[in-house]
């Protein structure tokens, strides 16, 4: 059953709040193994010569790799690793106890020229009041076990609920993505990670991780009192047009109780006490949709420089604040993204 959270009169607001999560009774207390998923650790695309390591899990998040048979292009492989000898696309499937599985494809590619590390963006529209939102949190945890090549942003809300971190920027993001149900999950802004009870299958986000990017990002930031000065630099190794840059301030390691309606997650209790929330959206630096980068700056060997300023608000912990910089195409899809703690410097991640 899915219901939408509507902003009606305050007399019925609490009722709507309780009904606004996605989910159904099958999400609660399900302890049956009904399917398996296969994924490629670190992403589905790698440079030629790099080894793919496959993992098989059941729908209860149990690792059954050692008990499974894994096939690449319909050929049984020895163990769970495979190193392609030629560039191209390879089909991967697994078998375990005759359970259904969705095959995946992995790509072996050749890099020609200067390239940078690629990351994807995982945006989670969530709320501490939302009992079904623990599915999105579990997906974050499972994705972290398979790759570090992503940036996470928790967008809490909506304003008027009991969530302590809802804010005007969160509301802008909710309007941008037309969020009327929680949780709402997106990869690279435009790919919907559909809500269901499956929190172990990471094939969707992993399929979006590329072996390299032609866009490099680095950040330098300094803190003086409560003022933060951020310099973002973006380097291009191919000609690109109609790009945008978007920047956000997030705060990591925020602790608050989290509602939980999923019986198989986090002990199965109705609440997760003192849950640590990650990269909670605090504010925007510019437009939430991104600000245009002049086309003259987005050509081979050009470096685009953009400065941002931010005043740290009372109650924010500077040691846990980060800046997220993302580069988007003309359709609003994220091409590359990076995060860094404020007050630190980093370098381009050349491959």
Foldseek 3Di string as FASTA:
>chain_A
DADFQDPDDPVCNVVSLVRFADDDPCLAPDPDFAAKEKDWFAFQEAAAQDKTFMWMATQLRDTCQVQKWKDKQNHTDDGGMDHDNDWDKIKMDMDDPNHDYDIAIGTHHHDDDWWFFFAKEKEKEAELSHALQVLVVLLVVLSVVRHPRYHYEYQYDDPPDPGPQHDPVSVVVCVVLVDGHPTWIDMQVPRTPDDDSRSNHPRVRRHPGYNTAQKWKWKAWADDPQKIKMKIKIAGAAQDDAKFKWKFKFFFFDWAKGAHRRCSPDPRDRIDHRDTDGRYTHGTFPDPLGDTDPSVQRHRGHMDMDMTMDGHDPPGDLQGMKMKMFMAHNVSGTRHIDMDRHRHTDDIGID
